[in-house]
PDB file of all heavy atoms in Angstrom:
ATOM      1  N   GLY A   1     -16.296  -7.925  -9.810  1.00  0.00           N
ATOM      2  CA  GLY A   1     -15.101  -8.690 -10.109  1.00  0.00           C
ATOM      3  C   GLY A   1     -13.965  -8.444  -9.138  1.00  0.00           C
ATOM      4  O   GLY A   1     -14.126  -7.728  -8.138  1.00  0.00           O
ATOM      5  N   SER A   2     -12.814  -9.028  -9.462  1.00  0.00           N
ATOM      6  CA  SER A   2     -11.645  -8.941  -8.584  1.00  0.00           C
ATOM      7  C   SER A   2     -10.398  -8.579  -9.376  1.00  0.00           C
ATOM      8  O   SER A   2     -10.296  -8.876 -10.563  1.00  0.00           O
ATOM      9  CB  SER A   2     -11.403 -10.291  -7.897  1.00  0.00           C
ATOM     10  OG  SER A   2     -12.474 -10.649  -7.065  1.00  0.00           O
ATOM     11  N   LEU A   3      -9.480  -7.953  -8.684  1.00  0.00           N
ATOM     12  CA  LEU A   3      -8.149  -7.676  -9.211  1.00  0.00           C
ATOM     13  C   LEU A   3      -7.154  -7.818  -8.066  1.00  0.00           C
ATOM     14  O   LEU A   3      -7.497  -7.588  -6.902  1.00  0.00           O
ATOM     15  CB  LEU A   3      -8.036  -6.262  -9.776  1.00  0.00           C
ATOM     16  CG  LEU A   3      -8.620  -5.966 -11.158  1.00  0.00           C
ATOM     17  CD1 LEU A   3      -8.504  -4.479 -11.464  1.00  0.00           C
ATOM     18  CD2 LEU A   3      -7.924  -6.786 -12.232  1.00  0.00           C
ATOM     19  N   ARG A   4      -5.927  -8.142  -8.434  1.00  0.00           N
ATOM     20  CA  ARG A   4      -4.859  -8.192  -7.453  1.00  0.00           C
ATOM     21  C   ARG A   4      -3.738  -7.276  -7.910  1.00  0.00           C
ATOM     22  O   ARG A   4      -3.136  -7.509  -8.968  1.00  0.00           O
ATOM     23  CB  ARG A   4      -4.321  -9.609  -7.291  1.00  0.00           C
ATOM     24  CG  ARG A   4      -3.319  -9.756  -6.148  1.00  0.00           C
ATOM     25  CD  ARG A   4      -2.557 -11.040  -6.303  1.00  0.00           C
ATOM     26  NE  ARG A   4      -1.874 -11.443  -5.088  1.00  0.00           N
ATOM     27  CZ  ARG A   4      -0.839 -12.286  -5.054  1.00  0.00           C
ATOM     28  NH1 ARG A   4      -0.380 -12.816  -6.175  1.00  0.00           N
ATOM     29  NH2 ARG A   4      -0.279 -12.615  -3.900  1.00  0.00           N
ATOM     30  N   LEU A   5      -3.487  -6.253  -7.129  1.00  0.00           N
ATOM     31  CA  LEU A   5      -2.400  -5.330  -7.427  1.00  0.00           C
ATOM     32  C   LEU A   5      -1.127  -5.796  -6.720  1.00  0.00           C
ATOM     33  O   LEU A   5      -1.180  -6.329  -5.607  1.00  0.00           O
ATOM     34  CB  LEU A   5      -2.744  -3.925  -6.973  1.00  0.00           C
ATOM     35  CG  LEU A   5      -4.043  -3.319  -7.521  1.00  0.00           C
ATOM     36  CD1 LEU A   5      -4.181  -1.879  -7.036  1.00  0.00           C
ATOM     37  CD2 LEU A   5      -4.108  -3.408  -9.021  1.00  0.00           C
ATOM     38  N   SER A   6      -0.009  -5.554  -7.367  1.00  0.00           N
ATOM     39  CA  SER A   6       1.294  -5.835  -6.774  1.00  0.00           C
ATOM     40  C   SER A   6       2.135  -4.573  -6.802  1.00  0.00           C
ATOM     41  O   SER A   6       2.006  -3.730  -7.699  1.00  0.00           O
ATOM     42  CB  SER A   6       2.023  -6.938  -7.554  1.00  0.00           C
ATOM     43  OG  SER A   6       1.307  -8.145  -7.541  1.00  0.00           O
ATOM     44  N   CYS A   7       3.008  -4.457  -5.834  1.00  0.00           N
ATOM     45  CA  CYS A   7       3.954  -3.345  -5.796  1.00  0.00           C
ATOM     46  C   CYS A   7       5.320  -3.934  -5.465  1.00  0.00           C
ATOM     47  O   CYS A   7       5.545  -4.411  -4.347  1.00  0.00           O
ATOM     48  CB  CYS A   7       3.535  -2.330  -4.752  1.00  0.00           C
ATOM     49  SG  CYS A   7       4.740  -1.012  -4.473  1.00  0.00           S
ATOM     50  N   ALA A   8       6.201  -3.911  -6.452  1.00  0.00           N
ATOM     51  CA  ALA A   8       7.541  -4.464  -6.278  1.00  0.00           C
ATOM     52  C   ALA A   8       8.505  -3.367  -5.859  1.00  0.00           C
ATOM     53  O   ALA A   8       8.530  -2.283  -6.460  1.00  0.00           O
ATOM     54  CB  ALA A   8       8.014  -5.110  -7.571  1.00  0.00           C
ATOM     55  N   ALA A   9       9.295  -3.655  -4.847  1.00  0.00           N
ATOM     56  CA  ALA A   9      10.237  -2.677  -4.317  1.00  0.00           C
ATOM     57  C   ALA A   9      11.666  -3.094  -4.618  1.00  0.00           C
ATOM     58  O   ALA A   9      12.001  -4.279  -4.583  1.00  0.00           O
ATOM     59  CB  ALA A   9      10.045  -2.526  -2.814  1.00  0.00           C
ATOM     60  N   SER A  10      12.505  -2.127  -4.888  1.00  0.00           N
ATOM     61  CA  SER A  10      13.935  -2.378  -5.073  1.00  0.00           C
ATOM     62  C   SER A  10      14.716  -1.289  -4.354  1.00  0.00           C
ATOM     63  O   SER A  10      14.209  -0.191  -4.120  1.00  0.00           O
ATOM     64  CB  SER A  10      14.305  -2.394  -6.555  1.00  0.00           C
ATOM     65  OG  SER A  10      14.005  -1.152  -7.161  1.00  0.00           O
ATOM     66  N   GLY A  11      15.935  -1.617  -4.007  1.00  0.00           N
ATOM     67  CA  GLY A  11      16.755  -0.654  -3.295  1.00  0.00           C
ATOM     68  C   GLY A  11      17.011  -1.127  -1.886  1.00  0.00           C
ATOM     69  O   GLY A  11      17.392  -2.262  -1.672  1.00  0.00           O
ATOM     70  N   ARG A  12      16.721  -0.284  -0.949  1.00  0.00           N
ATOM     71  CA  ARG A  12      16.964  -0.587   0.451  1.00  0.00           C
ATOM     72  C   ARG A  12      16.073  -1.735   0.925  1.00  0.00           C
ATOM     73  O   ARG A  12      15.049  -2.016   0.320  1.00  0.00           O
ATOM     74  CB  ARG A  12      16.709   0.663   1.288  1.00  0.00           C
ATOM     75  CG  ARG A  12      17.230   0.570   2.700  1.00  0.00           C
ATOM     76  CD  ARG A  12      16.967   1.852   3.452  1.00  0.00           C
ATOM     77  NE  ARG A  12      17.032   1.623   4.893  1.00  0.00           N
ATOM     78  CZ  ARG A  12      16.627   2.489   5.795  1.00  0.00           C
ATOM     79  NH1 ARG A  12      16.122   3.648   5.411  1.00  0.00           N
ATOM     80  NH2 ARG A  12      16.715   2.216   7.073  1.00  0.00           N
ATOM     81  N   THR A  13      16.434  -2.381   2.004  1.00  0.00           N
ATOM     82  CA  THR A  13      15.731  -3.537   2.524  1.00  0.00           C
ATOM     83  C   THR A  13      14.240  -3.264   2.681  1.00  0.00           C
ATOM     84  O   THR A  13      13.830  -2.368   3.419  1.00  0.00           O
ATOM     85  CB  THR A  13      16.318  -3.940   3.881  1.00  0.00           C
ATOM     86  OG1 THR A  13      17.723  -4.144   3.738  1.00  0.00           O
ATOM     87  CG2 THR A  13      15.672  -5.224   4.373  1.00  0.00           C
ATOM     88  N   PHE A  14      13.441  -4.063   1.981  1.00  0.00           N
ATOM     89  CA  PHE A  14      11.997  -3.853   1.927  1.00  0.00           C
ATOM     90  C   PHE A  14      11.372  -3.910   3.303  1.00  0.00           C
ATOM     91  O   PHE A  14      10.456  -3.139   3.606  1.00  0.00           O
ATOM     92  CB  PHE A  14      11.401  -4.908   0.998  1.00  0.00           C
ATOM     93  CG  PHE A  14       9.925  -4.826   0.851  1.00  0.00           C
ATOM     94  CD1 PHE A  14       9.323  -3.718   0.274  1.00  0.00           C
ATOM     95  CD2 PHE A  14       9.112  -5.865   1.279  1.00  0.00           C
ATOM     96  CE1 PHE A  14       7.957  -3.632   0.132  1.00  0.00           C
ATOM     97  CE2 PHE A  14       7.740  -5.803   1.136  1.00  0.00           C
ATOM     98  CZ  PHE A  14       7.157  -4.679   0.555  1.00  0.00           C
ATOM     99  N   SER A  15      11.837  -4.799   4.140  1.00  0.00           N
ATOM    100  CA  SER A  15      11.240  -4.959   5.462  1.00  0.00           C
ATOM    101  C   SER A  15      11.479  -3.752   6.369  1.00  0.00           C
ATOM    102  O   SER A  15      10.950  -3.706   7.477  1.00  0.00           O
ATOM    103  CB  SER A  15      11.769  -6.224   6.137  1.00  0.00           C
ATOM    104  OG  SER A  15      13.178  -6.175   6.261  1.00  0.00           O
ATOM    105  N   SER A  16      12.254  -2.795   5.911  1.00  0.00           N
ATOM    106  CA  SER A  16      12.478  -1.571   6.678  1.00  0.00           C
ATOM    107  C   SER A  16      11.319  -0.595   6.574  1.00  0.00           C
ATOM    108  O   SER A  16      11.280   0.398   7.301  1.00  0.00           O
ATOM    109  CB  SER A  16      13.747  -0.854   6.174  1.00  0.00           C
ATOM    110  OG  SER A  16      14.881  -1.653   6.304  1.00  0.00           O
ATOM    111  N   TYR A  17      10.367  -0.867   5.684  1.00  0.00           N
ATOM    112  CA  TYR A  17       9.315   0.093   5.379  1.00  0.00           C
ATOM    113  C   TYR A  17       7.932  -0.403   5.753  1.00  0.00           C
ATOM    114  O   TYR A  17       7.555  -1.534   5.423  1.00  0.00           O
ATOM    115  CB  TYR A  17       9.307   0.415   3.889  1.00  0.00           C
ATOM    116  CG  TYR A  17      10.599   1.029   3.392  1.00  0.00           C
ATOM    117  CD1 TYR A  17      11.600   0.231   2.854  1.00  0.00           C
ATOM    118  CD2 TYR A  17      10.814   2.397   3.483  1.00  0.00           C
ATOM    119  CE1 TYR A  17      12.789   0.786   2.416  1.00  0.00           C
ATOM    120  CE2 TYR A  17      11.994   2.958   3.038  1.00  0.00           C
ATOM    121  CZ  TYR A  17      12.982   2.143   2.509  1.00  0.00           C
ATOM    122  OH  TYR A  17      14.149   2.699   2.079  1.00  0.00           O
ATOM    123  N   ALA A  18       7.165   0.462   6.390  1.00  0.00           N
ATOM    124  CA  ALA A  18       5.721   0.267   6.451  1.00  0.00           C
ATOM    125  C   ALA A  18       5.169   0.635   5.073  1.00  0.00           C
ATOM    126  O   ALA A  18       5.676   1.560   4.427  1.00  0.00           O
ATOM    127  CB  ALA A  18       5.110   1.150   7.532  1.00  0.00           C
ATOM    128  N   MET A  19       4.157  -0.090   4.628  1.00  0.00           N
ATOM    129  CA  MET A  19       3.657   0.094   3.266  1.00  0.00           C
ATOM    130  C   MET A  19       2.178   0.453   3.274  1.00  0.00           C
ATOM    131  O   MET A  19       1.430   0.079   4.195  1.00  0.00           O
ATOM    132  CB  MET A  19       3.863  -1.181   2.452  1.00  0.00           C
ATOM    133  CG  MET A  19       5.316  -1.613   2.315  1.00  0.00           C
ATOM    134  SD  MET A  19       6.329  -0.431   1.411  1.00  0.00           S
ATOM    135  CE  MET A  19       5.556  -0.503  -0.213  1.00  0.00           C
ATOM    136  N   GLY A  20       1.782   1.132   2.210  1.00  0.00           N
ATOM    137  CA  GLY A  20       0.372   1.491   2.087  1.00  0.00           C
ATOM    138  C   GLY A  20      -0.065   1.571   0.639  1.00  0.00           C
ATOM    139  O   GLY A  20       0.774   1.640  -0.273  1.00  0.00           O
ATOM    140  N   TRP A  21      -1.367   1.518   0.453  1.00  0.00           N
ATOM    141  CA  TRP A  21      -1.986   1.730  -0.849  1.00  0.00           C
ATOM    142  C   TRP A  21      -2.906   2.939  -0.758  1.00  0.00           C
ATOM    143  O   TRP A  21      -3.651   3.084   0.225  1.00  0.00           O
ATOM    144  CB  TRP A  21      -2.798   0.518  -1.293  1.00  0.00           C
ATOM    145  CG  TRP A  21      -1.980  -0.644  -1.764  1.00  0.00           C
ATOM    146  CD1 TRP A  21      -1.591  -1.739  -1.037  1.00  0.00           C
ATOM    147  CD2 TRP A  21      -1.455  -0.844  -3.081  1.00  0.00           C
ATOM    148  NE1 TRP A  21      -0.858  -2.594  -1.812  1.00  0.00           N
ATOM    149  CE2 TRP A  21      -0.763  -2.074  -3.078  1.00  0.00           C
ATOM    150  CE3 TRP A  21      -1.503  -0.109  -4.266  1.00  0.00           C
ATOM    151  CZ2 TRP A  21      -0.129  -2.577  -4.212  1.00  0.00           C
ATOM    152  CZ3 TRP A  21      -0.866  -0.612  -5.388  1.00  0.00           C
ATOM    153  CH2 TRP A  21      -0.195  -1.827  -5.358  1.00  0.00           C
ATOM    154  N   PHE A  22      -2.874   3.761  -1.786  1.00  0.00           N
ATOM    155  CA  PHE A  22      -3.730   4.922  -1.917  1.00  0.00           C
ATOM    156  C   PHE A  22      -4.341   4.904  -3.311  1.00  0.00           C
ATOM    157  O   PHE A  22      -3.867   4.191  -4.192  1.00  0.00           O
ATOM    158  CB  PHE A  22      -2.916   6.213  -1.729  1.00  0.00           C
ATOM    159  CG  PHE A  22      -2.415   6.412  -0.325  1.00  0.00           C
ATOM    160  CD1 PHE A  22      -1.331   5.693   0.144  1.00  0.00           C
ATOM    161  CD2 PHE A  22      -3.042   7.303   0.532  1.00  0.00           C
ATOM    162  CE1 PHE A  22      -0.873   5.845   1.447  1.00  0.00           C
ATOM    163  CE2 PHE A  22      -2.588   7.473   1.839  1.00  0.00           C
ATOM    164  CZ  PHE A  22      -1.510   6.748   2.290  1.00  0.00           C
ATOM    165  N   ARG A  23      -5.381   5.691  -3.487  1.00  0.00           N
ATOM    166  CA  ARG A  23      -5.975   5.795  -4.815  1.00  0.00           C
ATOM    167  C   ARG A  23      -6.435   7.223  -5.062  1.00  0.00           C
ATOM    168  O   ARG A  23      -6.698   7.980  -4.128  1.00  0.00           O
ATOM    169  CB  ARG A  23      -7.144   4.822  -4.979  1.00  0.00           C
ATOM    170  CG  ARG A  23      -8.351   5.136  -4.106  1.00  0.00           C
ATOM    171  CD  ARG A  23      -9.371   4.011  -4.217  1.00  0.00           C
ATOM    172  NE  ARG A  23     -10.550   4.283  -3.397  1.00  0.00           N
ATOM    173  CZ  ARG A  23     -11.506   3.398  -3.169  1.00  0.00           C
ATOM    174  NH1 ARG A  23     -11.430   2.169  -3.699  1.00  0.00           N
ATOM    175  NH2 ARG A  23     -12.541   3.719  -2.432  1.00  0.00           N
ATOM    176  N   GLN A  24      -6.528   7.547  -6.347  1.00  0.00           N
ATOM    177  CA  GLN A  24      -6.993   8.866  -6.739  1.00  0.00           C
ATOM    178  C   GLN A  24      -7.919   8.734  -7.929  1.00  0.00           C
ATOM    179  O   GLN A  24      -7.502   8.243  -8.993  1.00  0.00           O
ATOM    180  CB  GLN A  24      -5.824   9.785  -7.070  1.00  0.00           C
ATOM    181  CG  GLN A  24      -6.233  11.218  -7.323  1.00  0.00           C
ATOM    182  CD  GLN A  24      -5.058  12.184  -7.325  1.00  0.00           C
ATOM    183  OE1 GLN A  24      -3.911  11.774  -7.489  1.00  0.00           O
ATOM    184  NE2 GLN A  24      -5.327  13.460  -7.094  1.00  0.00           N
ATOM    185  N   ALA A  25      -9.156   9.146  -7.738  1.00  0.00           N
ATOM    186  CA  ALA A  25     -10.139   9.146  -8.812  1.00  0.00           C
ATOM    187  C   ALA A  25     -10.057  10.473  -9.561  1.00  0.00           C
ATOM    188  O   ALA A  25      -9.591  11.470  -9.013  1.00  0.00           O
ATOM    189  CB  ALA A  25     -11.537   8.955  -8.235  1.00  0.00           C
ATOM    190  N   PRO A  26     -10.515  10.504 -10.817  1.00  0.00           N
ATOM    191  CA  PRO A  26     -10.469  11.743 -11.591  1.00  0.00           C
ATOM    192  C   PRO A  26     -11.187  12.884 -10.876  1.00  0.00           C
ATOM    193  O   PRO A  26     -12.320  12.729 -10.424  1.00  0.00           O
ATOM    194  CB  PRO A  26     -11.190  11.367 -12.888  1.00  0.00           C
ATOM    195  CG  PRO A  26     -11.010   9.898 -12.998  1.00  0.00           C
ATOM    196  CD  PRO A  26     -11.038   9.373 -11.596  1.00  0.00           C
ATOM    197  N   GLY A  27     -10.514  14.002 -10.750  1.00  0.00           N
ATOM    198  CA  GLY A  27     -11.110  15.177 -10.132  1.00  0.00           C
ATOM    199  C   GLY A  27     -11.202  15.127  -8.625  1.00  0.00           C
ATOM    200  O   GLY A  27     -11.787  16.027  -8.014  1.00  0.00           O
ATOM    201  N   LYS A  28     -10.640  14.089  -8.025  1.00  0.00           N
ATOM    202  CA  LYS A  28     -10.707  13.951  -6.563  1.00  0.00           C
ATOM    203  C   LYS A  28      -9.308  13.910  -5.965  1.00  0.00           C
ATOM    204  O   LYS A  28      -8.327  13.661  -6.651  1.00  0.00           O
ATOM    205  CB  LYS A  28     -11.487  12.689  -6.191  1.00  0.00           C
ATOM    206  CG  LYS A  28     -12.950  12.723  -6.585  1.00  0.00           C
ATOM    207  CD  LYS A  28     -13.699  11.549  -6.010  1.00  0.00           C
ATOM    208  CE  LYS A  28     -15.180  11.620  -6.330  1.00  0.00           C
ATOM    209  NZ  LYS A  28     -15.935  10.478  -5.736  1.00  0.00           N
ATOM    210  N   GLU A  29      -9.257  14.124  -4.675  1.00  0.00           N
ATOM    211  CA  GLU A  29      -7.981  14.050  -3.986  1.00  0.00           C
ATOM    212  C   GLU A  29      -7.592  12.590  -3.753  1.00  0.00           C
ATOM    213  O   GLU A  29      -8.436  11.694  -3.710  1.00  0.00           O
ATOM    214  CB  GLU A  29      -8.075  14.781  -2.640  1.00  0.00           C
ATOM    215  CG  GLU A  29      -8.245  16.277  -2.784  1.00  0.00           C
ATOM    216  CD  GLU A  29      -8.155  16.988  -1.446  1.00  0.00           C
ATOM    217  OE1 GLU A  29      -8.110  16.300  -0.409  1.00  0.00           O
ATOM    218  OE2 GLU A  29      -8.138  18.233  -1.446  1.00  0.00           O
ATOM    219  N   ARG A  30      -6.312  12.396  -3.577  1.00  0.00           N
ATOM    220  CA  ARG A  30      -5.821  11.069  -3.231  1.00  0.00           C
ATOM    221  C   ARG A  30      -6.383  10.654  -1.875  1.00  0.00           C
ATOM    222  O   ARG A  30      -6.477  11.471  -0.966  1.00  0.00           O
ATOM    223  CB  ARG A  30      -4.297  11.106  -3.163  1.00  0.00           C
ATOM    224  CG  ARG A  30      -3.623   9.786  -2.879  1.00  0.00           C
ATOM    225  CD  ARG A  30      -2.139   9.994  -2.780  1.00  0.00           C
ATOM    226  NE  ARG A  30      -1.799  10.849  -1.649  1.00  0.00           N
ATOM    227  CZ  ARG A  30      -0.639  11.485  -1.494  1.00  0.00           C
ATOM    228  NH1 ARG A  30       0.286  11.379  -2.433  1.00  0.00           N
ATOM    229  NH2 ARG A  30      -0.392  12.226  -0.431  1.00  0.00           N
ATOM    230  N   GLU A  31      -6.741   9.374  -1.771  1.00  0.00           N
ATOM    231  CA  GLU A  31      -7.288   8.883  -0.507  1.00  0.00           C
ATOM    232  C   GLU A  31      -6.612   7.590  -0.081  1.00  0.00           C
ATOM    233  O   GLU A  31      -6.173   6.785  -0.916  1.00  0.00           O
ATOM    234  CB  GLU A  31      -8.804   8.661  -0.615  1.00  0.00           C
ATOM    235  CG  GLU A  31      -9.223   7.588  -1.577  1.00  0.00           C
ATOM    236  CD  GLU A  31     -10.728   7.308  -1.503  1.00  0.00           C
ATOM    237  OE1 GLU A  31     -11.428   7.883  -0.644  1.00  0.00           O
ATOM    238  OE2 GLU A  31     -11.200   6.498  -2.329  1.00  0.00           O
ATOM    239  N   PHE A  32      -6.581   7.406   1.209  1.00  0.00           N
ATOM    240  CA  PHE A  32      -6.010   6.203   1.796  1.00  0.00           C
ATOM    241  C   PHE A  32      -6.897   4.999   1.510  1.00  0.00           C
ATOM    242  O   PHE A  32      -8.128   5.092   1.562  1.00  0.00           O
ATOM    243  CB  PHE A  32      -5.874   6.405   3.305  1.00  0.00           C
ATOM    244  CG  PHE A  32      -5.544   5.165   4.069  1.00  0.00           C
ATOM    245  CD1 PHE A  32      -4.257   4.656   4.082  1.00  0.00           C
ATOM    246  CD2 PHE A  32      -6.523   4.496   4.780  1.00  0.00           C
ATOM    247  CE1 PHE A  32      -3.942   3.508   4.794  1.00  0.00           C
ATOM    248  CE2 PHE A  32      -6.233   3.347   5.506  1.00  0.00           C
ATOM    249  CZ  PHE A  32      -4.936   2.851   5.503  1.00  0.00           C
ATOM    250  N   VAL A  33      -6.264   3.867   1.226  1.00  0.00           N
ATOM    251  CA  VAL A  33      -6.996   2.615   1.000  1.00  0.00           C
ATOM    252  C   VAL A  33      -6.662   1.583   2.077  1.00  0.00           C
ATOM    253  O   VAL A  33      -7.548   1.062   2.746  1.00  0.00           O
ATOM    254  CB  VAL A  33      -6.680   2.038  -0.392  1.00  0.00           C
ATOM    255  CG1 VAL A  33      -7.340   0.670  -0.571  1.00  0.00           C
ATOM    256  CG2 VAL A  33      -7.109   2.995  -1.488  1.00  0.00           C
ATOM    257  N   ALA A  34      -5.375   1.276   2.229  1.00  0.00           N
ATOM    258  CA  ALA A  34      -4.978   0.233   3.174  1.00  0.00           C
ATOM    259  C   ALA A  34      -3.518   0.397   3.537  1.00  0.00           C
ATOM    260  O   ALA A  34      -2.746   0.981   2.773  1.00  0.00           O
ATOM    261  CB  ALA A  34      -5.210  -1.154   2.563  1.00  0.00           C
ATOM    262  N   ALA A  35      -3.146  -0.132   4.710  1.00  0.00           N
ATOM    263  CA  ALA A  35      -1.763  -0.076   5.160  1.00  0.00           C
ATOM    264  C   ALA A  35      -1.391  -1.378   5.857  1.00  0.00           C
ATOM    265  O   ALA A  35      -2.245  -2.063   6.419  1.00  0.00           O
ATOM    266  CB  ALA A  35      -1.551   1.098   6.111  1.00  0.00           C
ATOM    267  N   VAL A  36      -0.100  -1.682   5.798  1.00  0.00           N
ATOM    268  CA  VAL A  36       0.418  -2.876   6.467  1.00  0.00           C
ATOM    269  C   VAL A  36       1.724  -2.503   7.155  1.00  0.00           C
ATOM    270  O   VAL A  36       2.500  -1.691   6.656  1.00  0.00           O
ATOM    271  CB  VAL A  36       0.611  -4.035   5.459  1.00  0.00           C
ATOM    272  CG1 VAL A  36       1.625  -3.687   4.388  1.00  0.00           C
ATOM    273  CG2 VAL A  36       0.982  -5.323   6.164  1.00  0.00           C
ATOM    274  N   SER A  37       1.941  -3.093   8.322  1.00  0.00           N
ATOM    275  CA  SER A  37       3.146  -2.805   9.083  1.00  0.00           C
ATOM    276  C   SER A  37       4.357  -3.477   8.464  1.00  0.00           C
ATOM    277  O   SER A  37       4.237  -4.323   7.571  1.00  0.00           O
ATOM    278  CB  SER A  37       2.969  -3.273  10.524  1.00  0.00           C
ATOM    279  OG  SER A  37       2.792  -4.682  10.551  1.00  0.00           O
ATOM    280  N   ARG A  38       5.518  -3.127   8.958  1.00  0.00           N
ATOM    281  CA  ARG A  38       6.758  -3.720   8.441  1.00  0.00           C
ATOM    282  C   ARG A  38       6.743  -5.228   8.555  1.00  0.00           C
ATOM    283  O   ARG A  38       7.193  -5.937   7.660  1.00  0.00           O
ATOM    284  CB  ARG A  38       7.953  -3.159   9.209  1.00  0.00           C
ATOM    285  CG  ARG A  38       8.349  -1.752   8.879  1.00  0.00           C
ATOM    286  CD  ARG A  38       9.435  -1.270   9.829  1.00  0.00           C
ATOM    287  NE  ARG A  38      10.517  -2.244   9.923  1.00  0.00           N
ATOM    288  CZ  ARG A  38      11.388  -2.292  10.917  1.00  0.00           C
ATOM    289  NH1 ARG A  38      11.287  -1.439  11.934  1.00  0.00           N
ATOM    290  NH2 ARG A  38      12.347  -3.189  10.930  1.00  0.00           N
ATOM    291  N   SER A  39       6.236  -5.720   9.641  1.00  0.00           N
ATOM    292  CA  SER A  39       6.228  -7.160   9.882  1.00  0.00           C
ATOM    293  C   SER A  39       5.124  -7.874   9.130  1.00  0.00           C
ATOM    294  O   SER A  39       5.156  -9.097   8.974  1.00  0.00           O
ATOM    295  CB  SER A  39       6.054  -7.429  11.378  1.00  0.00           C
ATOM    296  OG  SER A  39       4.763  -7.015  11.795  1.00  0.00           O
ATOM    297  N   GLY A  40       4.130  -7.118   8.682  1.00  0.00           N
ATOM    298  CA  GLY A  40       2.950  -7.737   8.079  1.00  0.00           C
ATOM    299  C   GLY A  40       1.916  -8.147   9.103  1.00  0.00           C
ATOM    300  O   GLY A  40       0.827  -8.598   8.749  1.00  0.00           O
ATOM    301  N   GLY A  41       2.237  -7.966  10.367  1.00  0.00           N
ATOM    302  CA  GLY A  41       1.345  -8.444  11.408  1.00  0.00           C
ATOM    303  C   GLY A  41       0.161  -7.548  11.694  1.00  0.00           C
ATOM    304  O   GLY A  41      -0.805  -7.969  12.346  1.00  0.00           O
ATOM    305  N   ARG A  42       0.208  -6.315  11.256  1.00  0.00           N
ATOM    306  CA  ARG A  42      -0.912  -5.389  11.450  1.00  0.00           C
ATOM    307  C   ARG A  42      -1.326  -4.794  10.126  1.00  0.00           C
ATOM    308  O   ARG A  42      -0.490  -4.451   9.288  1.00  0.00           O
ATOM    309  CB  ARG A  42      -0.517  -4.285  12.421  1.00  0.00           C
ATOM    310  CG  ARG A  42      -0.445  -4.695  13.873  1.00  0.00           C
ATOM    311  CD  ARG A  42      -0.411  -3.469  14.762  1.00  0.00           C
ATOM    312  NE  ARG A  42      -1.651  -2.700  14.631  1.00  0.00           N
ATOM    313  CZ  ARG A  42      -1.774  -1.440  15.040  1.00  0.00           C
ATOM    314  NH1 ARG A  42      -0.752  -0.799  15.568  1.00  0.00           N
ATOM    315  NH2 ARG A  42      -2.909  -0.814  14.910  1.00  0.00           N
ATOM    316  N   THR A  43      -2.623  -4.677   9.943  1.00  0.00           N
ATOM    317  CA  THR A  43      -3.174  -4.043   8.760  1.00  0.00           C
ATOM    318  C   THR A  43      -4.260  -3.053   9.174  1.00  0.00           C
ATOM    319  O   THR A  43      -4.803  -3.127  10.290  1.00  0.00           O
ATOM    320  CB  THR A  43      -3.782  -5.068   7.792  1.00  0.00           C
ATOM    321  OG1 THR A  43      -4.790  -5.827   8.478  1.00  0.00           O
ATOM    322  CG2 THR A  43      -2.722  -6.019   7.256  1.00  0.00           C
ATOM    323  N   TYR A  44      -4.561  -2.147   8.260  1.00  0.00           N
ATOM    324  CA  TYR A  44      -5.579  -1.128   8.536  1.00  0.00           C
ATOM    325  C   TYR A  44      -6.213  -0.726   7.216  1.00  0.00           C
ATOM    326  O   TYR A  44      -5.517  -0.638   6.199  1.00  0.00           O
ATOM    327  CB  TYR A  44      -4.925   0.085   9.209  1.00  0.00           C
ATOM    328  CG  TYR A  44      -5.901   1.149   9.638  1.00  0.00           C
ATOM    329  CD1 TYR A  44      -6.750   0.935  10.712  1.00  0.00           C
ATOM    330  CD2 TYR A  44      -5.972   2.370   8.976  1.00  0.00           C
ATOM    331  CE1 TYR A  44      -7.649   1.909  11.115  1.00  0.00           C
ATOM    332  CE2 TYR A  44      -6.863   3.342   9.365  1.00  0.00           C
ATOM    333  CZ  TYR A  44      -7.697   3.112  10.435  1.00  0.00           C
ATOM    334  OH  TYR A  44      -8.589   4.069  10.835  1.00  0.00           O
ATOM    335  N   TYR A  45      -7.544  -0.512   7.229  1.00  0.00           N
ATOM    336  CA  TYR A  45      -8.272  -0.261   5.997  1.00  0.00           C
ATOM    337  C   TYR A  45      -9.174   0.967   6.118  1.00  0.00           C
ATOM    338  O   TYR A  45      -9.702   1.258   7.195  1.00  0.00           O
ATOM    339  CB  TYR A  45      -9.144  -1.461   5.648  1.00  0.00           C
ATOM    340  CG  TYR A  45      -8.369  -2.719   5.406  1.00  0.00           C
ATOM    341  CD1 TYR A  45      -8.106  -3.615   6.434  1.00  0.00           C
ATOM    342  CD2 TYR A  45      -7.885  -3.013   4.130  1.00  0.00           C
ATOM    343  CE1 TYR A  45      -7.376  -4.775   6.210  1.00  0.00           C
ATOM    344  CE2 TYR A  45      -7.156  -4.176   3.895  1.00  0.00           C
ATOM    345  CZ  TYR A  45      -6.907  -5.051   4.937  1.00  0.00           C
ATOM    346  OH  TYR A  45      -6.182  -6.189   4.709  1.00  0.00           O
TER     347      TYR A  45
END
């Protein structure tokens, strides 16, 4: 199946930040999932 996660930001100008998603499974360390640049023009998985 599929899901779509959202992350809403408030405070300082959102475009000032590079953003990323991480996940943590039970009993495991947090791991990197994906990242996007400030402009949205670059992504990494």
